[in-house]
Amino acid sequence: MLKVSGLSVSYGGLHALADVSLEVGEGEFVTIVGPNGAGKTTLLKAIGGGVVPAGGRIEYRGENIAGRPSRARATAARRCSRRGTRSARRPAPRHRRWP
């Protein structure tokens, strides 16, 4: 579902991420753990479109989204989730009547 391969991010001359790869399948939960300054937030920002990667690929359901702006990435994710087995929308809450 989400595949990151060879992702690199630099801030000026500082390499925040170098050749990061990971794969998350449908229905999987993943935790990113590491010490301060390890690049956890930078990784999530790069996947979400908040930081421009210096290299690598970010694929969501087989489509390369690395060059897309964050708004387009969110739209693609919503569109795909509506087609899947899970609904992106929550069911309307049922209101309970008290006697």
PDB file of N, CA and C in Angstrom:
ATOM      1  N   MET A   1       0.821  -1.183   0.000  1.00  0.00           N
ATOM      2  CA  MET A   1       0.000   0.000   0.000  1.00  0.00           C
ATOM      3  C   MET A   1       0.871   1.254   0.000  1.00  0.00           C
ATOM      4  N   LEU A   2       1.803   1.378   0.955  1.00  0.00           N
ATOM      5  CA  LEU A   2       2.753   2.492   0.978  1.00  0.00           C
ATOM      6  C   LEU A   2       4.153   1.911   0.901  1.00  0.00           C
ATOM      7  N   LYS A   3       4.907   2.401  -0.078  1.00  0.00           N
ATOM      8  CA  LYS A   3       6.272   1.916  -0.255  1.00  0.00           C
ATOM      9  C   LYS A   3       7.193   3.118  -0.422  1.00  0.00           C
ATOM     10  N   VAL A   4       8.176   3.219   0.459  1.00  0.00           N
ATOM     11  CA  VAL A   4       9.181   4.269   0.399  1.00  0.00           C
ATOM     12  C   VAL A   4      10.498   3.587   0.084  1.00  0.00           C
ATOM     13  N   SER A   5      11.192   4.066  -0.950  1.00  0.00           N
ATOM     14  CA  SER A   5      12.462   3.429  -1.304  1.00  0.00           C
ATOM     15  C   SER A   5      13.514   4.484  -1.632  1.00  0.00           C
ATOM     16  N   GLY A   6      14.650   4.370  -0.970  1.00  0.00           N
ATOM     17  CA  GLY A   6      15.789   5.249  -1.221  1.00  0.00           C
ATOM     18  C   GLY A   6      15.536   6.711  -0.905  1.00  0.00           C
ATOM     19  N   LEU A   7      14.688   6.991   0.066  1.00  0.00           N
ATOM     20  CA  LEU A   7      14.309   8.372   0.376  1.00  0.00           C
ATOM     21  C   LEU A   7      15.448   9.116   1.062  1.00  0.00           C
ATOM     22  N   SER A   8      15.756  10.298   0.546  1.00  0.00           N
ATOM     23  CA  SER A   8      16.783  11.156   1.131  1.00  0.00           C
ATOM     24  C   SER A   8      16.239  12.567   1.251  1.00  0.00           C
ATOM     25  N   VAL A   9      16.520  13.223   2.365  1.00  0.00           N
ATOM     26  CA  VAL A   9      16.115  14.604   2.607  1.00  0.00           C
ATOM     27  C   VAL A   9      17.309  15.348   3.182  1.00  0.00           C
ATOM     28  N   SER A  10      17.549  16.541   2.647  1.00  0.00           N
ATOM     29  CA  SER A  10      18.641  17.382   3.139  1.00  0.00           C
ATOM     30  C   SER A  10      18.109  18.766   3.473  1.00  0.00           C
ATOM     31  N   TYR A  11      18.625  19.339   4.544  1.00  0.00           N
ATOM     32  CA  TYR A  11      18.365  20.726   4.912  1.00  0.00           C
ATOM     33  C   TYR A  11      19.679  21.467   4.728  1.00  0.00           C
ATOM     34  N   GLY A  12      19.808  22.157   3.607  1.00  0.00           N
ATOM     35  CA  GLY A  12      21.094  22.802   3.304  1.00  0.00           C
ATOM     36  C   GLY A  12      22.133  21.724   3.075  1.00  0.00           C
ATOM     37  N   GLY A  13      23.192  21.723   3.846  1.00  0.00           N
ATOM     38  CA  GLY A  13      24.227  20.700   3.720  1.00  0.00           C
ATOM     39  C   GLY A  13      24.050  19.535   4.674  1.00  0.00           C
ATOM     40  N   LEU A  14      23.019  19.602   5.537  1.00  0.00           N
ATOM     41  CA  LEU A  14      22.795  18.563   6.536  1.00  0.00           C
ATOM     42  C   LEU A  14      21.883  17.474   5.963  1.00  0.00           C
ATOM     43  N   HIS A  15      22.357  16.231   5.967  1.00  0.00           N
ATOM     44  CA  HIS A  15      21.553  15.103   5.487  1.00  0.00           C
ATOM     45  C   HIS A  15      20.696  14.579   6.639  1.00  0.00           C
ATOM     46  N   ALA A  16      19.394  14.877   6.586  1.00  0.00           N
ATOM     47  CA  ALA A  16      18.491  14.437   7.651  1.00  0.00           C
ATOM     48  C   ALA A  16      18.079  12.980   7.457  1.00  0.00           C
ATOM     49  N   LEU A  17      17.868  12.572   6.213  1.00  0.00           N
ATOM     50  CA  LEU A  17      17.540  11.180   5.879  1.00  0.00           C
ATOM     51  C   LEU A  17      18.426  10.747   4.724  1.00  0.00           C
ATOM     52  N   ALA A  18      18.933   9.555   4.791  1.00  0.00           N
ATOM     53  CA  ALA A  18      19.777   9.039   3.726  1.00  0.00           C
ATOM     54  C   ALA A  18      19.372   7.608   3.397  1.00  0.00           C
ATOM     55  N   ASP A  19      18.824   7.417   2.202  1.00  0.00           N
ATOM     56  CA  ASP A  19      18.499   6.083   1.675  1.00  0.00           C
ATOM     57  C   ASP A  19      17.568   5.292   2.597  1.00  0.00           C
ATOM     58  N   VAL A  20      16.449   5.900   2.996  1.00  0.00           N
ATOM     59  CA  VAL A  20      15.470   5.238   3.870  1.00  0.00           C
ATOM     60  C   VAL A  20      14.469   4.468   3.021  1.00  0.00           C
ATOM     61  N   SER A  21      14.212   3.238   3.395  1.00  0.00           N
ATOM     62  CA  SER A  21      13.231   2.411   2.694  1.00  0.00           C
ATOM     63  C   SER A  21      12.339   1.720   3.708  1.00  0.00           C
ATOM     64  N   LEU A  22      11.054   1.648   3.387  1.00  0.00           N
ATOM     65  CA  LEU A  22      10.108   0.916   4.221  1.00  0.00           C
ATOM     66  C   LEU A  22       8.887   0.576   3.387  1.00  0.00           C
ATOM     67  N   GLU A  23       8.153  -0.399   3.865  1.00  0.00           N
ATOM     68  CA  GLU A  23       6.944  -0.831   3.169  1.00  0.00           C
ATOM     69  C   GLU A  23       5.865  -1.126   4.209  1.00  0.00           C
ATOM     70  N   VAL A  24       4.679  -0.575   3.991  1.00  0.00           N
ATOM     71  CA  VAL A  24       3.550  -0.769   4.888  1.00  0.00           C
ATOM     72  C   VAL A  24       2.416  -1.367   4.068  1.00  0.00           C
ATOM     73  N   GLY A  25       1.958  -2.550   4.466  1.00  0.00           N
ATOM     74  CA  GLY A  25       0.888  -3.230   3.754  1.00  0.00           C
ATOM     75  C   GLY A  25      -0.484  -2.793   4.234  1.00  0.00           C
ATOM     76  N   GLU A  26      -1.490  -3.191   3.501  1.00  0.00           N
ATOM     77  CA  GLU A  26      -2.888  -2.897   3.833  1.00  0.00           C
ATOM     78  C   GLU A  26      -3.222  -3.436   5.217  1.00  0.00           C
ATOM     79  N   GLY A  27      -3.759  -2.589   6.077  1.00  0.00           N
ATOM     80  CA  GLY A  27      -4.179  -2.998   7.408  1.00  0.00           C
ATOM     81  C   GLY A  27      -3.080  -3.098   8.444  1.00  0.00           C
ATOM     82  N   GLU A  28      -1.845  -2.815   8.073  1.00  0.00           N
ATOM     83  CA  GLU A  28      -0.728  -2.885   9.015  1.00  0.00           C
ATOM     84  C   GLU A  28      -0.613  -1.593   9.814  1.00  0.00           C
ATOM     85  N   PHE A  29      -0.147  -1.712  11.037  1.00  0.00           N
ATOM     86  CA  PHE A  29       0.180  -0.572  11.881  1.00  0.00           C
ATOM     87  C   PHE A  29       1.689  -0.564  12.055  1.00  0.00           C
ATOM     88  N   VAL A  30       2.299   0.599  11.871  1.00  0.00           N
ATOM     89  CA  VAL A  30       3.748   0.716  11.959  1.00  0.00           C
ATOM     90  C   VAL A  30       4.092   1.810  12.951  1.00  0.00           C
ATOM     91  N   THR A  31       5.101   1.571  13.759  1.00  0.00           N
ATOM     92  CA  THR A  31       5.601   2.557  14.706  1.00  0.00           C
ATOM     93  C   THR A  31       7.022   2.933  14.308  1.00  0.00           C
ATOM     94  N   ILE A  32       7.300   4.221  14.306  1.00  0.00           N
ATOM     95  CA  ILE A  32       8.643   4.700  14.008  1.00  0.00           C
ATOM     96  C   ILE A  32       9.252   5.166  15.324  1.00  0.00           C
ATOM     97  N   VAL A  33      10.328   4.506  15.721  1.00  0.00           N
ATOM     98  CA  VAL A  33      10.940   4.757  17.019  1.00  0.00           C
ATOM     99  C   VAL A  33      12.395   5.153  16.810  1.00  0.00           C
ATOM    100  N   GLY A  34      12.858   6.109  17.608  1.00  0.00           N
ATOM    101  CA  GLY A  34      14.258   6.503  17.549  1.00  0.00           C
ATOM    102  C   GLY A  34      14.522   7.669  18.472  1.00  0.00           C
ATOM    103  N   PRO A  35      15.784   7.975  18.696  1.00  0.00           N
ATOM    104  CA  PRO A  35      16.124   9.085  19.587  1.00  0.00           C
ATOM    105  C   PRO A  35      15.846  10.438  18.928  1.00  0.00           C
ATOM    106  N   ASN A  36      15.924  11.491  19.729  1.00  0.00           N
ATOM    107  CA  ASN A  36      15.761  12.847  19.198  1.00  0.00           C
ATOM    108  C   ASN A  36      16.762  13.087  18.078  1.00  0.00           C
ATOM    109  N   GLY A  37      16.295  13.691  17.006  1.00  0.00           N
ATOM    110  CA  GLY A  37      17.180  14.009  15.894  1.00  0.00           C
ATOM    111  C   GLY A  37      17.437  12.873  14.934  1.00  0.00           C
ATOM    112  N   ALA A  38      16.733  11.751  15.093  1.00  0.00           N
ATOM    113  CA  ALA A  38      16.971  10.588  14.229  1.00  0.00           C
ATOM    114  C   ALA A  38      16.303  10.726  12.853  1.00  0.00           C
ATOM    115  N   GLY A  39      15.335  11.646  12.721  1.00  0.00           N
ATOM    116  CA  GLY A  39      14.690  11.849  11.424  1.00  0.00           C
ATOM    117  C   GLY A  39      13.265  11.340  11.343  1.00  0.00           C
ATOM    118  N   LYS A  40      12.647  11.009  12.471  1.00  0.00           N
ATOM    119  CA  LYS A  40      11.272  10.479  12.467  1.00  0.00           C
ATOM    120  C   LYS A  40      10.286  11.488  11.886  1.00  0.00           C
ATOM    121  N   THR A  41      10.338  12.710  12.370  1.00  0.00           N
ATOM    122  CA  THR A  41       9.419  13.750  11.889  1.00  0.00           C
ATOM    123  C   THR A  41       9.718  14.104  10.444  1.00  0.00           C
ATOM    124  N   THR A  42      10.977  14.169  10.086  1.00  0.00           N
ATOM    125  CA  THR A  42      11.350  14.464   8.702  1.00  0.00           C
ATOM    126  C   THR A  42      10.822  13.393   7.761  1.00  0.00           C
ATOM    127  N   LEU A  43      10.884  12.138   8.167  1.00  0.00           N
ATOM    128  CA  LEU A  43      10.347  11.049   7.357  1.00  0.00           C
ATOM    129  C   LEU A  43       8.848  11.237   7.122  1.00  0.00           C
ATOM    130  N   LEU A  44       8.114  11.516   8.192  1.00  0.00           N
ATOM    131  CA  LEU A  44       6.666  11.703   8.055  1.00  0.00           C
ATOM    132  C   LEU A  44       6.334  12.941   7.230  1.00  0.00           C
ATOM    133  N   LYS A  45       7.113  14.003   7.389  1.00  0.00           N
ATOM    134  CA  LYS A  45       6.892  15.209   6.583  1.00  0.00           C
ATOM    135  C   LYS A  45       7.170  14.938   5.106  1.00  0.00           C
ATOM    136  N   ALA A  46       8.192  14.153   4.816  1.00  0.00           N
ATOM    137  CA  ALA A  46       8.510  13.825   3.429  1.00  0.00           C
ATOM    138  C   ALA A  46       7.406  12.971   2.805  1.00  0.00           C
ATOM    139  N   ILE A  47       6.886  12.019   3.549  1.00  0.00           N
ATOM    140  CA  ILE A  47       5.801  11.178   3.040  1.00  0.00           C
ATOM    141  C   ILE A  47       4.539  12.010   2.825  1.00  0.00           C
ATOM    142  N   GLY A  48       4.263  12.929   3.748  1.00  0.00           N
ATOM    143  CA  GLY A  48       3.053  13.747   3.660  1.00  0.00           C
ATOM    144  C   GLY A  48       3.148  14.932   2.725  1.00  0.00           C
ATOM    145  N   GLY A  49       4.336  15.267   2.261  1.00  0.00           N
ATOM    146  CA  GLY A  49       4.493  16.368   1.323  1.00  0.00           C
ATOM    147  C   GLY A  49       4.916  17.677   1.957  1.00  0.00           C
ATOM    148  N   GLY A  50       5.239  17.681   3.247  1.00  0.00           N
ATOM    149  CA  GLY A  50       5.666  18.895   3.920  1.00  0.00           C
ATOM    150  C   GLY A  50       7.118  19.251   3.677  1.00  0.00           C
ATOM    151  N   VAL A  51       7.904  18.285   3.232  1.00  0.00           N
ATOM    152  CA  VAL A  51       9.325  18.473   2.929  1.00  0.00           C
ATOM    153  C   VAL A  51       9.583  17.849   1.568  1.00  0.00           C
ATOM    154  N   VAL A  52      10.358  18.535   0.746  1.00  0.00           N
ATOM    155  CA  VAL A  52      10.686  18.015  -0.587  1.00  0.00           C
ATOM    156  C   VAL A  52      11.871  17.062  -0.473  1.00  0.00           C
ATOM    157  N   PRO A  53      11.702  15.801  -0.889  1.00  0.00           N
ATOM    158  CA  PRO A  53      12.824  14.855  -0.825  1.00  0.00           C
ATOM    159  C   PRO A  53      13.905  15.200  -1.849  1.00  0.00           C
ATOM    160  N   ALA A  54      15.159  14.945  -1.482  1.00  0.00           N
ATOM    161  CA  ALA A  54      16.272  15.141  -2.409  1.00  0.00           C
ATOM    162  C   ALA A  54      16.383  13.966  -3.371  1.00  0.00           C
ATOM    163  N   GLY A  55      15.830  12.815  -2.985  1.00  0.00           N
ATOM    164  CA  GLY A  55      15.873  11.638  -3.839  1.00  0.00           C
ATOM    165  C   GLY A  55      14.991  10.537  -3.297  1.00  0.00           C
ATOM    166  N   GLY A  56      14.753   9.537  -4.125  1.00  0.00           N
ATOM    167  CA  GLY A  56      13.952   8.390  -3.722  1.00  0.00           C
ATOM    168  C   GLY A  56      12.539   8.435  -4.262  1.00  0.00           C
ATOM    169  N   ARG A  57      11.794   7.395  -3.932  1.00  0.00           N
ATOM    170  CA  ARG A  57      10.407   7.262  -4.386  1.00  0.00           C
ATOM    171  C   ARG A  57       9.483   7.051  -3.196  1.00  0.00           C
ATOM    172  N   ILE A  58       8.270   7.607  -3.337  1.00  0.00           N
ATOM    173  CA  ILE A  58       7.211   7.378  -2.368  1.00  0.00           C
ATOM    174  C   ILE A  58       6.013   6.911  -3.174  1.00  0.00           C
ATOM    175  N   GLU A  59       5.643   5.657  -3.001  1.00  0.00           N
ATOM    176  CA  GLU A  59       4.527   5.091  -3.765  1.00  0.00           C
ATOM    177  C   GLU A  59       3.364   4.790  -2.837  1.00  0.00           C
ATOM    178  N   TYR A  60       2.187   5.195  -3.270  1.00  0.00           N
ATOM    179  CA  TYR A  60       0.957   4.864  -2.544  1.00  0.00           C
ATOM    180  C   TYR A  60       0.069   4.095  -3.504  1.00  0.00           C
ATOM    181  N   ARG A  61      -0.184   2.836  -3.174  1.00  0.00           N
ATOM    182  CA  ARG A  61      -0.958   1.929  -4.012  1.00  0.00           C
ATOM    183  C   ARG A  61      -0.412   1.868  -5.436  1.00  0.00           C
ATOM    184  N   GLY A  62       0.926   1.818  -5.535  1.00  0.00           N
ATOM    185  CA  GLY A  62       1.596   1.657  -6.821  1.00  0.00           C
ATOM    186  C   GLY A  62       1.820   2.939  -7.597  1.00  0.00           C
ATOM    187  N   GLU A  63       1.323   4.067  -7.131  1.00  0.00           N
ATOM    188  CA  GLU A  63       1.461   5.340  -7.826  1.00  0.00           C
ATOM    189  C   GLU A  63       2.507   6.203  -7.126  1.00  0.00           C
ATOM    190  N   ASN A  64       3.478   6.735  -7.892  1.00  0.00           N
ATOM    191  CA  ASN A  64       4.519   7.571  -7.316  1.00  0.00           C
ATOM    192  C   ASN A  64       3.923   8.933  -6.951  1.00  0.00           C
ATOM    193  N   ILE A  65       3.941   9.275  -5.674  1.00  0.00           N
ATOM    194  CA  ILE A  65       3.361  10.533  -5.204  1.00  0.00           C
ATOM    195  C   ILE A  65       4.424  11.513  -4.737  1.00  0.00           C
ATOM    196  N   ALA A  66       5.701  11.192  -4.942  1.00  0.00           N
ATOM    197  CA  ALA A  66       6.798  12.019  -4.421  1.00  0.00           C
ATOM    198  C   ALA A  66       6.766  13.437  -4.980  1.00  0.00           C
ATOM    199  N   GLY A  67       6.365  13.639  -6.201  1.00  0.00           N
ATOM    200  CA  GLY A  67       6.376  14.969  -6.796  1.00  0.00           C
ATOM    201  C   GLY A  67       5.096  15.754  -6.583  1.00  0.00           C
ATOM    202  N   ARG A  68       4.109  15.155  -5.950  1.00  0.00           N
ATOM    203  CA  ARG A  68       2.825  15.831  -5.763  1.00  0.00           C
ATOM    204  C   ARG A  68       2.836  16.724  -4.531  1.00  0.00           C
ATOM    205  N   PRO A  69       2.050  17.820  -4.579  1.00  0.00           N
ATOM    206  CA  PRO A  69       1.902  18.626  -3.362  1.00  0.00           C
ATOM    207  C   PRO A  69       1.084  17.871  -2.317  1.00  0.00           C
ATOM    208  N   SER A  70       1.180  18.295  -1.059  1.00  0.00           N
ATOM    209  CA  SER A  70       0.526  17.565   0.031  1.00  0.00           C
ATOM    210  C   SER A  70      -0.982  17.474  -0.147  1.00  0.00           C
ATOM    211  N   ARG A  71      -1.620  18.501  -0.676  1.00  0.00           N
ATOM    212  CA  ARG A  71      -3.075  18.477  -0.883  1.00  0.00           C
ATOM    213  C   ARG A  71      -3.471  17.376  -1.870  1.00  0.00           C
ATOM    214  N   ALA A  72      -2.697  17.222  -2.944  1.00  0.00           N
ATOM    215  CA  ALA A  72      -2.974  16.175  -3.933  1.00  0.00           C
ATOM    216  C   ALA A  72      -2.744  14.792  -3.347  1.00  0.00           C
ATOM    217  N   ARG A  73      -1.774  14.655  -2.451  1.00  0.00           N
ATOM    218  CA  ARG A  73      -1.522  13.355  -1.810  1.00  0.00           C
ATOM    219  C   ARG A  73      -2.690  12.968  -0.921  1.00  0.00           C
ATOM    220  N   ALA A  74      -3.217  13.929  -0.176  1.00  0.00           N
ATOM    221  CA  ALA A  74      -4.358  13.656   0.695  1.00  0.00           C
ATOM    222  C   ALA A  74      -5.590  13.285  -0.118  1.00  0.00           C
ATOM    223  N   THR A  75      -5.804  13.962  -1.246  1.00  0.00           N
ATOM    224  CA  THR A  75      -6.939  13.654  -2.112  1.00  0.00           C
ATOM    225  C   THR A  75      -6.822  12.248  -2.672  1.00  0.00           C
ATOM    226  N   ALA A  76      -5.619  11.856  -3.088  1.00  0.00           N
ATOM    227  CA  ALA A  76      -5.410  10.504  -3.614  1.00  0.00           C
ATOM    228  C   ALA A  76      -5.671   9.461  -2.544  1.00  0.00           C
ATOM    229  N   ALA A  77      -5.246   9.725  -1.320  1.00  0.00           N
ATOM    230  CA  ALA A  77      -5.456   8.777  -0.222  1.00  0.00           C
ATOM    231  C   ALA A  77      -6.943   8.631   0.095  1.00  0.00           C
ATOM    232  N   ARG A  78      -7.676   9.732   0.105  1.00  0.00           N
ATOM    233  CA  ARG A  78      -9.123   9.656   0.370  1.00  0.00           C
ATOM    234  C   ARG A  78      -9.827   8.909  -0.741  1.00  0.00           C
ATOM    235  N   ARG A  79      -9.438   9.181  -1.984  1.00  0.00           N
ATOM    236  CA  ARG A  79     -10.062   8.526  -3.130  1.00  0.00           C
ATOM    237  C   ARG A  79      -9.845   7.013  -3.064  1.00  0.00           C
ATOM    238  N   CYS A  80      -8.626   6.593  -2.723  1.00  0.00           N
ATOM    239  CA  CYS A  80      -8.316   5.161  -2.636  1.00  0.00           C
ATOM    240  C   CYS A  80      -9.042   4.506  -1.475  1.00  0.00           C
ATOM    241  N   SER A  81      -9.142   5.195  -0.345  1.00  0.00           N
ATOM    242  CA  SER A  81      -9.774   4.579   0.819  1.00  0.00           C
ATOM    243  C   SER A  81     -11.273   4.397   0.601  1.00  0.00           C
ATOM    244  N   ARG A  82     -11.878   5.238  -0.196  1.00  0.00           N
ATOM    245  CA  ARG A  82     -13.308   5.074  -0.483  1.00  0.00           C
ATOM    246  C   ARG A  82     -13.553   3.880  -1.386  1.00  0.00           C
ATOM    247  N   ARG A  83     -12.570   3.556  -2.223  1.00  0.00           N
ATOM    248  CA  ARG A  83     -12.709   2.395  -3.097  1.00  0.00           C
ATOM    249  C   ARG A  83     -12.465   1.086  -2.370  1.00  0.00           C
ATOM    250  N   GLY A  84     -11.741   1.147  -1.264  1.00  0.00           N
ATOM    251  CA  GLY A  84     -11.365  -0.061  -0.532  1.00  0.00           C
ATOM    252  C   GLY A  84     -12.504  -0.615   0.298  1.00  0.00           C
ATOM    253  N   THR A  85     -12.155  -1.530   1.167  1.00  0.00           N
ATOM    254  CA  THR A  85     -13.170  -2.174   1.994  1.00  0.00           C
ATOM    255  C   THR A  85     -13.595  -1.296   3.157  1.00  0.00           C
ATOM    256  N   ARG A  86     -12.720  -0.399   3.579  1.00  0.00           N
ATOM    257  CA  ARG A  86     -13.050   0.475   4.685  1.00  0.00           C
ATOM    258  C   ARG A  86     -13.574   1.807   4.166  1.00  0.00           C
ATOM    259  N   SER A  87     -14.511   2.372   4.866  1.00  0.00           N
ATOM    260  CA  SER A  87     -15.050   3.669   4.497  1.00  0.00           C
ATOM    261  C   SER A  87     -14.247   4.769   5.166  1.00  0.00           C
ATOM    262  N   ALA A  88     -14.000   5.852   4.410  1.00  0.00           N
ATOM    263  CA  ALA A  88     -13.270   6.980   4.969  1.00  0.00           C
ATOM    264  C   ALA A  88     -14.165   7.817   5.870  1.00  0.00           C
ATOM    265  N   ARG A  89     -15.454   7.622   5.761  1.00  0.00           N
ATOM    266  CA  ARG A  89     -16.391   8.393   6.569  1.00  0.00           C
ATOM    267  C   ARG A  89     -16.910   7.559   7.722  1.00  0.00           C
ATOM    268  N   ARG A  90     -17.147   8.215   8.815  1.00  0.00           N
ATOM    269  CA  ARG A  90     -17.722   7.532   9.965  1.00  0.00           C
ATOM    270  C   ARG A  90     -19.226   7.479   9.810  1.00  0.00           C
ATOM    271  N   PRO A  91     -19.843   6.431  10.322  1.00  0.00           N
ATOM    272  CA  PRO A  91     -21.311   6.403  10.276  1.00  0.00           C
ATOM    273  C   PRO A  91     -21.883   7.476  11.202  1.00  0.00           C
ATOM    274  N   ALA A  92     -23.064   7.932  10.861  1.00  0.00           N
ATOM    275  CA  ALA A  92     -23.706   8.969  11.673  1.00  0.00           C
ATOM    276  C   ALA A  92     -23.988   8.408  13.067  1.00  0.00           C
ATOM    277  N   PRO A  93     -23.713   9.203  14.102  1.00  0.00           N
ATOM    278  CA  PRO A  93     -23.967   8.709  15.456  1.00  0.00           C
ATOM    279  C   PRO A  93     -25.464   8.558  15.713  1.00  0.00           C
ATOM    280  N   ARG A  94     -25.790   7.559  16.480  1.00  0.00           N
ATOM    281  CA  ARG A  94     -27.186   7.359  16.861  1.00  0.00           C
ATOM    282  C   ARG A  94     -27.430   8.094  18.163  1.00  0.00           C
ATOM    283  N   HIS A  95     -28.494   8.865  18.164  1.00  0.00           N
ATOM    284  CA  HIS A  95     -28.813   9.619  19.365  1.00  0.00           C
ATOM    285  C   HIS A  95     -29.805   8.816  20.196  1.00  0.00           C
ATOM    286  N   ARG A  96     -29.524   8.785  21.447  1.00  0.00           N
ATOM    287  CA  ARG A  96     -30.354   8.021  22.360  1.00  0.00           C
ATOM    288  C   ARG A  96     -31.400   8.935  22.988  1.00  0.00           C
ATOM    289  N   ARG A  97     -32.609   8.501  22.973  1.00  0.00           N
ATOM    290  CA  ARG A  97     -33.659   9.276  23.606  1.00  0.00           C
ATOM    291  C   ARG A  97     -33.833   8.813  25.029  1.00  0.00           C
ATOM    292  N   TRP A  98     -33.844   9.757  25.914  1.00  0.00           N
ATOM    293  CA  TRP A  98     -34.050   9.441  27.319  1.00  0.00           C
ATOM    294  C   TRP A  98     -35.512   9.597  27.658  1.00  0.00           C
ATOM    295  N   PRO A  99     -36.035   8.689  28.484  1.00  0.00           N
ATOM    296  CA  PRO A  99     -37.485   8.771  28.822  1.00  0.00           C
ATOM    297  C   PRO A  99     -37.818   9.981  29.656  1.00  0.00           C
TER     298      PRO A  99
END
